């Protein structure tokens, strides 16, 4: 049985151009919009957090993840 997580962190993208940009310019965060109406009681209350997504799925279990996030990826040591 495969370990539940890998020792490597991966980032996937659907575009070879984006992967090349990461290698040349580093990662560029995108903003994840989160609903804050539960806290403010205002139905139009949102906050956005800058983030870059990584996963630690073992290579043997990565096919479904790649199908959704893209076939181009970069892996890095957790260190």
PDB file of N, CA and C in Angstrom:
ATOM      1  N   UNK A   1       0.848  -1.187   0.000  1.00  0.00           N
ATOM      2  CA  UNK A   1       0.000   0.000   0.000  1.00  0.00           C
ATOM      3  C   UNK A   1       0.888   1.244   0.000  1.00  0.00           C
ATOM      4  N   UNK A   2       0.518   2.216  -0.818  1.00  0.00           N
ATOM      5  CA  UNK A   2       1.289   3.466  -0.935  1.00  0.00           C
ATOM      6  C   UNK A   2       1.114   4.315   0.322  1.00  0.00           C
ATOM      7  N   UNK A   3       2.147   5.065   0.640  1.00  0.00           N
ATOM      8  CA  UNK A   3       2.063   5.996   1.770  1.00  0.00           C
ATOM      9  C   UNK A   3       0.967   7.020   1.490  1.00  0.00           C
ATOM     10  N   UNK A   4       0.278   7.525   2.523  1.00  0.00           N
ATOM     11  CA  UNK A   4      -0.811   8.474   2.296  1.00  0.00           C
ATOM     12  C   UNK A   4      -0.356   9.808   1.724  1.00  0.00           C
ATOM     13  N   UNK A   5       0.921  10.138   1.883  1.00  0.00           N
ATOM     14  CA  UNK A   5       1.419  11.370   1.282  1.00  0.00           C
ATOM     15  C   UNK A   5       2.877  11.182   0.864  1.00  0.00           C
ATOM     16  N   UNK A   6       3.301  11.986  -0.087  1.00  0.00           N
ATOM     17  CA  UNK A   6       4.651  11.878  -0.630  1.00  0.00           C
ATOM     18  C   UNK A   6       5.617  12.749   0.164  1.00  0.00           C
ATOM     19  N   UNK A   7       6.889  12.521  -0.046  1.00  0.00           N
ATOM     20  CA  UNK A   7       7.907  13.359   0.586  1.00  0.00           C
ATOM     21  C   UNK A   7       8.190  14.591  -0.270  1.00  0.00           C
ATOM     22  N   UNK A   8       7.538  14.670  -1.420  1.00  0.00           N
ATOM     23  CA  UNK A   8       7.709  15.777  -2.354  1.00  0.00           C
ATOM     24  C   UNK A   8       6.406  16.565  -2.465  1.00  0.00           C
ATOM     25  N   UNK A   9       6.510  17.866  -2.592  1.00  0.00           N
ATOM     26  CA  UNK A   9       5.339  18.710  -2.852  1.00  0.00           C
ATOM     27  C   UNK A   9       5.273  18.984  -4.344  1.00  0.00           C
ATOM     28  N   UNK A  10       4.086  18.890  -4.913  1.00  0.00           N
ATOM     29  CA  UNK A  10       3.882  19.093  -6.345  1.00  0.00           C
ATOM     30  C   UNK A  10       2.944  20.263  -6.596  1.00  0.00           C
ATOM     31  N   UNK A  11       3.182  20.934  -7.709  1.00  0.00           N
ATOM     32  CA  UNK A  11       2.283  21.978  -8.207  1.00  0.00           C
ATOM     33  C   UNK A  11       2.014  21.639  -9.670  1.00  0.00           C
ATOM     34  N   UNK A  12       0.745  21.574 -10.056  1.00  0.00           N
ATOM     35  CA  UNK A  12       0.367  21.224 -11.420  1.00  0.00           C
ATOM     36  C   UNK A  12      -0.336  22.376 -12.106  1.00  0.00           C
ATOM     37  N   UNK A  13      -0.193  22.413 -13.429  1.00  0.00           N
ATOM     38  CA  UNK A  13      -0.842  23.431 -14.245  1.00  0.00           C
ATOM     39  C   UNK A  13      -1.240  22.810 -15.585  1.00  0.00           C
ATOM     40  N   UNK A  14      -2.199  23.418 -16.243  1.00  0.00           N
ATOM     41  CA  UNK A  14      -2.672  22.910 -17.533  1.00  0.00           C
ATOM     42  C   UNK A  14      -1.863  23.452 -18.703  1.00  0.00           C
ATOM     43  N   UNK A  15      -0.960  24.385 -18.424  1.00  0.00           N
ATOM     44  CA  UNK A  15      -0.259  25.078 -19.498  1.00  0.00           C
ATOM     45  C   UNK A  15       1.258  24.926 -19.386  1.00  0.00           C
ATOM     46  N   UNK A  16       1.896  24.511 -20.468  1.00  0.00           N
ATOM     47  CA  UNK A  16       3.352  24.452 -20.512  1.00  0.00           C
ATOM     48  C   UNK A  16       3.930  25.861 -20.371  1.00  0.00           C
ATOM     49  N   UNK A  17       3.241  26.848 -20.929  1.00  0.00           N
ATOM     50  CA  UNK A  17       3.670  28.247 -20.824  1.00  0.00           C
ATOM     51  C   UNK A  17       3.721  28.676 -19.355  1.00  0.00           C
ATOM     52  N   UNK A  18       2.725  28.277 -18.580  1.00  0.00           N
ATOM     53  CA  UNK A  18       2.694  28.617 -17.155  1.00  0.00           C
ATOM     54  C   UNK A  18       3.829  27.935 -16.408  1.00  0.00           C
ATOM     55  N   UNK A  19       4.086  26.675 -16.729  1.00  0.00           N
ATOM     56  CA  UNK A  19       5.185  25.958 -16.083  1.00  0.00           C
ATOM     57  C   UNK A  19       6.523  26.646 -16.376  1.00  0.00           C
ATOM     58  N   UNK A  20       6.735  27.031 -17.612  1.00  0.00           N
ATOM     59  CA  UNK A  20       7.967  27.740 -17.977  1.00  0.00           C
ATOM     60  C   UNK A  20       8.071  29.064 -17.221  1.00  0.00           C
ATOM     61  N   UNK A  21       6.960  29.759 -17.071  1.00  0.00           N
ATOM     62  CA  UNK A  21       6.946  31.022 -16.335  1.00  0.00           C
ATOM     63  C   UNK A  21       7.325  30.808 -14.871  1.00  0.00           C
ATOM     64  N   UNK A  22       6.843  29.727 -14.277  1.00  0.00           N
ATOM     65  CA  UNK A  22       7.197  29.410 -12.887  1.00  0.00           C
ATOM     66  C   UNK A  22       8.698  29.195 -12.776  1.00  0.00           C
ATOM     67  N   UNK A  23       9.266  28.455 -13.714  1.00  0.00           N
ATOM     68  CA  UNK A  23      10.701  28.175 -13.675  1.00  0.00           C
ATOM     69  C   UNK A  23      11.538  29.436 -13.873  1.00  0.00           C
ATOM     70  N   UNK A  24      11.050  30.354 -14.685  1.00  0.00           N
ATOM     71  CA  UNK A  24      11.789  31.591 -14.945  1.00  0.00           C
ATOM     72  C   UNK A  24      11.545  32.680 -13.902  1.00  0.00           C
ATOM     73  N   UNK A  25      10.322  32.763 -13.375  1.00  0.00           N
ATOM     74  CA  UNK A  25       9.925  33.901 -12.535  1.00  0.00           C
ATOM     75  C   UNK A  25       9.439  33.542 -11.138  1.00  0.00           C
ATOM     76  N   UNK A  26       9.446  32.303 -10.776  1.00  0.00           N
ATOM     77  CA  UNK A  26       8.909  31.810  -9.499  1.00  0.00           C
ATOM     78  C   UNK A  26       7.380  31.704  -9.574  1.00  0.00           C
ATOM     79  N   UNK A  27       6.791  31.317  -8.482  1.00  0.00           N
ATOM     80  CA  UNK A  27       5.337  31.158  -8.425  1.00  0.00           C
ATOM     81  C   UNK A  27       4.664  32.508  -8.277  1.00  0.00           C
ATOM     82  N   UNK A  28       3.525  32.662  -8.919  1.00  0.00           N
ATOM     83  CA  UNK A  28       2.736  33.881  -8.816  1.00  0.00           C
ATOM     84  C   UNK A  28       1.411  33.498  -8.165  1.00  0.00           C
ATOM     85  N   UNK A  29       1.110  34.023  -6.986  1.00  0.00           N
ATOM     86  CA  UNK A  29      -0.115  33.604  -6.304  1.00  0.00           C
ATOM     87  C   UNK A  29      -1.378  34.099  -7.007  1.00  0.00           C
ATOM     88  N   UNK A  30      -2.435  33.351  -6.833  1.00  0.00           N
ATOM     89  CA  UNK A  30      -3.746  33.804  -7.256  1.00  0.00           C
ATOM     90  C   UNK A  30      -4.559  34.043  -5.989  1.00  0.00           C
ATOM     91  N   UNK A  31      -5.681  34.704  -6.103  1.00  0.00           N
ATOM     92  CA  UNK A  31      -6.479  35.033  -4.932  1.00  0.00           C
ATOM     93  C   UNK A  31      -7.678  34.117  -4.831  1.00  0.00           C
ATOM     94  N   UNK A  32      -7.816  33.513  -3.673  1.00  0.00           N
ATOM     95  CA  UNK A  32      -8.924  32.608  -3.387  1.00  0.00           C
ATOM     96  C   UNK A  32      -9.970  33.377  -2.583  1.00  0.00           C
ATOM     97  N   UNK A  33     -11.128  33.559  -3.184  1.00  0.00           N
ATOM     98  CA  UNK A  33     -12.193  34.325  -2.539  1.00  0.00           C
ATOM     99  C   UNK A  33     -12.958  33.433  -1.565  1.00  0.00           C
ATOM    100  N   UNK A  34     -13.072  33.897  -0.331  1.00  0.00           N
ATOM    101  CA  UNK A  34     -13.758  33.147   0.716  1.00  0.00           C
ATOM    102  C   UNK A  34     -14.966  33.934   1.220  1.00  0.00           C
ATOM    103  N   UNK A  35     -16.059  33.227   1.404  1.00  0.00           N
ATOM    104  CA  UNK A  35     -17.296  33.810   1.919  1.00  0.00           C
ATOM    105  C   UNK A  35     -17.154  34.061   3.422  1.00  0.00           C
ATOM    106  N   UNK A  36     -17.349  35.287   3.847  1.00  0.00           N
ATOM    107  CA  UNK A  36     -17.251  35.635   5.261  1.00  0.00           C
ATOM    108  C   UNK A  36     -18.606  36.002   5.864  1.00  0.00           C
ATOM    109  N   UNK A  37     -19.687  35.741   5.138  1.00  0.00           N
ATOM    110  CA  UNK A  37     -21.017  36.128   5.616  1.00  0.00           C
ATOM    111  C   UNK A  37     -21.378  35.414   6.918  1.00  0.00           C
ATOM    112  N   UNK A  38     -20.819  34.241   7.153  1.00  0.00           N
ATOM    113  CA  UNK A  38     -21.087  33.518   8.407  1.00  0.00           C
ATOM    114  C   UNK A  38     -20.586  34.316   9.611  1.00  0.00           C
ATOM    115  N   UNK A  39     -19.578  35.152   9.392  1.00  0.00           N
ATOM    116  CA  UNK A  39     -18.984  35.917  10.498  1.00  0.00           C
ATOM    117  C   UNK A  39     -19.574  37.326  10.598  1.00  0.00           C
ATOM    118  N   UNK A  40     -19.828  37.944   9.470  1.00  0.00           N
ATOM    119  CA  UNK A  40     -20.277  39.347   9.466  1.00  0.00           C
ATOM    120  C   UNK A  40     -21.785  39.502   9.361  1.00  0.00           C
ATOM    121  N   UNK A  41     -22.457  38.427   9.001  1.00  0.00           N
ATOM    122  CA  UNK A  41     -23.911  38.435   8.757  1.00  0.00           C
ATOM    123  C   UNK A  41     -24.291  39.327   7.580  1.00  0.00           C
ATOM    124  N   UNK A  42     -23.318  39.700   6.785  1.00  0.00           N
ATOM    125  CA  UNK A  42     -23.538  40.471   5.564  1.00  0.00           C
ATOM    126  C   UNK A  42     -23.409  39.495   4.395  1.00  0.00           C
ATOM    127  N   UNK A  43     -24.477  39.279   3.621  1.00  0.00           N
ATOM    128  CA  UNK A  43     -24.420  38.281   2.540  1.00  0.00           C
ATOM    129  C   UNK A  43     -23.412  38.606   1.441  1.00  0.00           C
ATOM    130  N   UNK A  44     -22.927  39.851   1.400  1.00  0.00           N
ATOM    131  CA  UNK A  44     -21.955  40.253   0.385  1.00  0.00           C
ATOM    132  C   UNK A  44     -20.548  40.402   0.963  1.00  0.00           C
ATOM    133  N   UNK A  45     -20.279  39.753   2.066  1.00  0.00           N
ATOM    134  CA  UNK A  45     -18.983  39.879   2.729  1.00  0.00           C
ATOM    135  C   UNK A  45     -18.025  38.778   2.264  1.00  0.00           C
ATOM    136  N   UNK A  46     -16.922  39.188   1.650  1.00  0.00           N
ATOM    137  CA  UNK A  46     -15.911  38.253   1.157  1.00  0.00           C
ATOM    138  C   UNK A  46     -14.526  38.763   1.513  1.00  0.00           C
ATOM    139  N   UNK A  47     -13.575  37.857   1.546  1.00  0.00           N
ATOM    140  CA  UNK A  47     -12.169  38.189   1.734  1.00  0.00           C
ATOM    141  C   UNK A  47     -11.385  37.312   0.759  1.00  0.00           C
ATOM    142  N   UNK A  48     -10.263  37.805   0.272  1.00  0.00           N
ATOM    143  CA  UNK A  48      -9.463  37.031  -0.680  1.00  0.00           C
ATOM    144  C   UNK A  48      -8.058  36.827  -0.117  1.00  0.00           C
ATOM    145  N   UNK A  49      -7.588  35.584  -0.177  1.00  0.00           N
ATOM    146  CA  UNK A  49      -6.260  35.225   0.315  1.00  0.00           C
ATOM    147  C   UNK A  49      -5.355  34.873  -0.857  1.00  0.00           C
ATOM    148  N   UNK A  50      -4.135  35.435  -0.907  1.00  0.00           N
ATOM    149  CA  UNK A  50      -3.202  35.034  -1.961  1.00  0.00           C
ATOM    150  C   UNK A  50      -2.658  33.643  -1.641  1.00  0.00           C
ATOM    151  N   UNK A  51      -2.609  32.773  -2.647  1.00  0.00           N
ATOM    152  CA  UNK A  51      -2.090  31.434  -2.405  1.00  0.00           C
ATOM    153  C   UNK A  51      -1.562  30.780  -3.663  1.00  0.00           C
ATOM    154  N   UNK A  52      -0.725  29.786  -3.449  1.00  0.00           N
ATOM    155  CA  UNK A  52      -0.242  28.882  -4.488  1.00  0.00           C
ATOM    156  C   UNK A  52      -0.542  27.492  -3.968  1.00  0.00           C
ATOM    157  N   UNK A  53      -1.192  26.664  -4.765  1.00  0.00           N
ATOM    158  CA  UNK A  53      -1.590  25.330  -4.327  1.00  0.00           C
ATOM    159  C   UNK A  53      -0.501  24.298  -4.573  1.00  0.00           C
ATOM    160  N   UNK A  54      -0.310  23.436  -3.582  1.00  0.00           N
ATOM    161  CA  UNK A  54       0.604  22.313  -3.680  1.00  0.00           C
ATOM    162  C   UNK A  54      -0.117  21.075  -3.181  1.00  0.00           C
ATOM    163  N   UNK A  55       0.350  19.911  -3.602  1.00  0.00           N
ATOM    164  CA  UNK A  55      -0.199  18.664  -3.088  1.00  0.00           C
ATOM    165  C   UNK A  55       0.949  17.731  -2.738  1.00  0.00           C
ATOM    166  N   UNK A  56       0.662  16.748  -1.915  1.00  0.00           N
ATOM    167  CA  UNK A  56       1.674  15.768  -1.535  1.00  0.00           C
ATOM    168  C   UNK A  56       1.172  14.346  -1.810  1.00  0.00           C
ATOM    169  N   UNK A  57       0.466  14.196  -2.917  1.00  0.00           N
ATOM    170  CA  UNK A  57      -0.080  12.902  -3.320  1.00  0.00           C
ATOM    171  C   UNK A  57       1.055  12.026  -3.856  1.00  0.00           C
ATOM    172  N   UNK A  58       1.125  10.756  -3.429  1.00  0.00           N
ATOM    173  CA  UNK A  58       2.153   9.864  -3.986  1.00  0.00           C
ATOM    174  C   UNK A  58       1.993   9.714  -5.497  1.00  0.00           C
ATOM    175  N   UNK A  59       3.092   9.600  -6.214  1.00  0.00           N
ATOM    176  CA  UNK A  59       3.080   9.497  -7.681  1.00  0.00           C
ATOM    177  C   UNK A  59       2.117   8.411  -8.162  1.00  0.00           C
ATOM    178  N   UNK A  60       2.063   7.306  -7.482  1.00  0.00           N
ATOM    179  CA  UNK A  60       1.192   6.204  -7.890  1.00  0.00           C
ATOM    180  C   UNK A  60      -0.292   6.519  -7.816  1.00  0.00           C
ATOM    181  N   UNK A  61      -0.670   7.597  -7.148  1.00  0.00           N
ATOM    182  CA  UNK A  61      -2.083   7.951  -6.990  1.00  0.00           C
ATOM    183  C   UNK A  61      -2.407   9.311  -7.597  1.00  0.00           C
ATOM    184  N   UNK A  62      -1.571   9.779  -8.487  1.00  0.00           N
ATOM    185  CA  UNK A  62      -1.688  11.162  -8.946  1.00  0.00           C
ATOM    186  C   UNK A  62      -2.524  11.352 -10.224  1.00  0.00           C
ATOM    187  N   UNK A  63      -2.898  10.276 -10.905  1.00  0.00           N
ATOM    188  CA  UNK A  63      -3.584  10.370 -12.205  1.00  0.00           C
ATOM    189  C   UNK A  63      -4.857  11.230 -12.149  1.00  0.00           C
ATOM    190  N   UNK A  64      -5.701  11.020 -11.174  1.00  0.00           N
ATOM    191  CA  UNK A  64      -6.955  11.789 -11.090  1.00  0.00           C
ATOM    192  C   UNK A  64      -6.665  13.268 -10.805  1.00  0.00           C
ATOM    193  N   UNK A  65      -5.689  13.519  -9.978  1.00  0.00           N
ATOM    194  CA  UNK A  65      -5.305  14.902  -9.654  1.00  0.00           C
ATOM    195  C   UNK A  65      -4.798  15.621 -10.908  1.00  0.00           C
ATOM    196  N   UNK A  66      -3.947  14.946 -11.670  1.00  0.00           N
ATOM    197  CA  UNK A  66      -3.400  15.518 -12.906  1.00  0.00           C
ATOM    198  C   UNK A  66      -4.504  15.771 -13.925  1.00  0.00           C
ATOM    199  N   UNK A  67      -5.461  14.863 -13.999  1.00  0.00           N
ATOM    200  CA  UNK A  67      -6.568  15.030 -14.940  1.00  0.00           C
ATOM    201  C   UNK A  67      -7.364  16.315 -14.649  1.00  0.00           C
ATOM    202  N   UNK A  68      -7.452  16.699 -13.389  1.00  0.00           N
ATOM    203  CA  UNK A  68      -8.221  17.888 -13.020  1.00  0.00           C
ATOM    204  C   UNK A  68      -7.377  19.164 -13.075  1.00  0.00           C
ATOM    205  N   UNK A  69      -6.154  19.130 -12.532  1.00  0.00           N
ATOM    206  CA  UNK A  69      -5.339  20.346 -12.400  1.00  0.00           C
ATOM    207  C   UNK A  69      -4.387  20.598 -13.563  1.00  0.00           C
ATOM    208  N   UNK A  70      -4.070  19.585 -14.345  1.00  0.00           N
ATOM    209  CA  UNK A  70      -3.199  19.771 -15.496  1.00  0.00           C
ATOM    210  C   UNK A  70      -2.041  18.802 -15.504  1.00  0.00           C
ATOM    211  N   UNK A  71      -1.554  18.532 -16.688  1.00  0.00           N
ATOM    212  CA  UNK A  71      -0.520  17.504 -16.851  1.00  0.00           C
ATOM    213  C   UNK A  71       0.904  18.021 -16.705  1.00  0.00           C
ATOM    214  N   UNK A  72       1.072  19.321 -16.554  1.00  0.00           N
ATOM    215  CA  UNK A  72       2.403  19.896 -16.370  1.00  0.00           C
ATOM    216  C   UNK A  72       2.619  20.168 -14.888  1.00  0.00           C
ATOM    217  N   UNK A  73       3.730  19.718 -14.364  1.00  0.00           N
ATOM    218  CA  UNK A  73       3.938  19.886 -12.938  1.00  0.00           C
ATOM    219  C   UNK A  73       5.396  20.049 -12.566  1.00  0.00           C
ATOM    220  N   UNK A  74       5.582  20.511 -11.358  1.00  0.00           N
ATOM    221  CA  UNK A  74       6.908  20.669 -10.790  1.00  0.00           C
ATOM    222  C   UNK A  74       6.845  20.097  -9.374  1.00  0.00           C
ATOM    223  N   UNK A  75       7.881  19.338  -9.021  1.00  0.00           N
ATOM    224  CA  UNK A  75       7.966  18.759  -7.689  1.00  0.00           C
ATOM    225  C   UNK A  75       9.144  19.331  -6.931  1.00  0.00           C
ATOM    226  N   UNK A  76       8.958  19.521  -5.642  1.00  0.00           N
ATOM    227  CA  UNK A  76      10.010  20.098  -4.809  1.00  0.00           C
ATOM    228  C   UNK A  76      10.083  19.357  -3.482  1.00  0.00           C
ATOM    229  N   UNK A  77      11.258  19.312  -2.927  1.00  0.00           N
ATOM    230  CA  UNK A  77      11.448  18.739  -1.605  1.00  0.00           C
ATOM    231  C   UNK A  77      10.676  19.560  -0.589  1.00  0.00           C
ATOM    232  N   UNK A  78      10.199  18.934   0.445  1.00  0.00           N
ATOM    233  CA  UNK A  78       9.506  19.662   1.525  1.00  0.00           C
ATOM    234  C   UNK A  78      10.439  20.643   2.226  1.00  0.00           C
ATOM    235  N   UNK A  79      11.714  20.386   2.149  1.00  0.00           N
ATOM    236  CA  UNK A  79      12.682  21.292   2.783  1.00  0.00           C
ATOM    237  C   UNK A  79      12.745  22.600   2.049  1.00  0.00           C
TER     238      UNK A  79
END
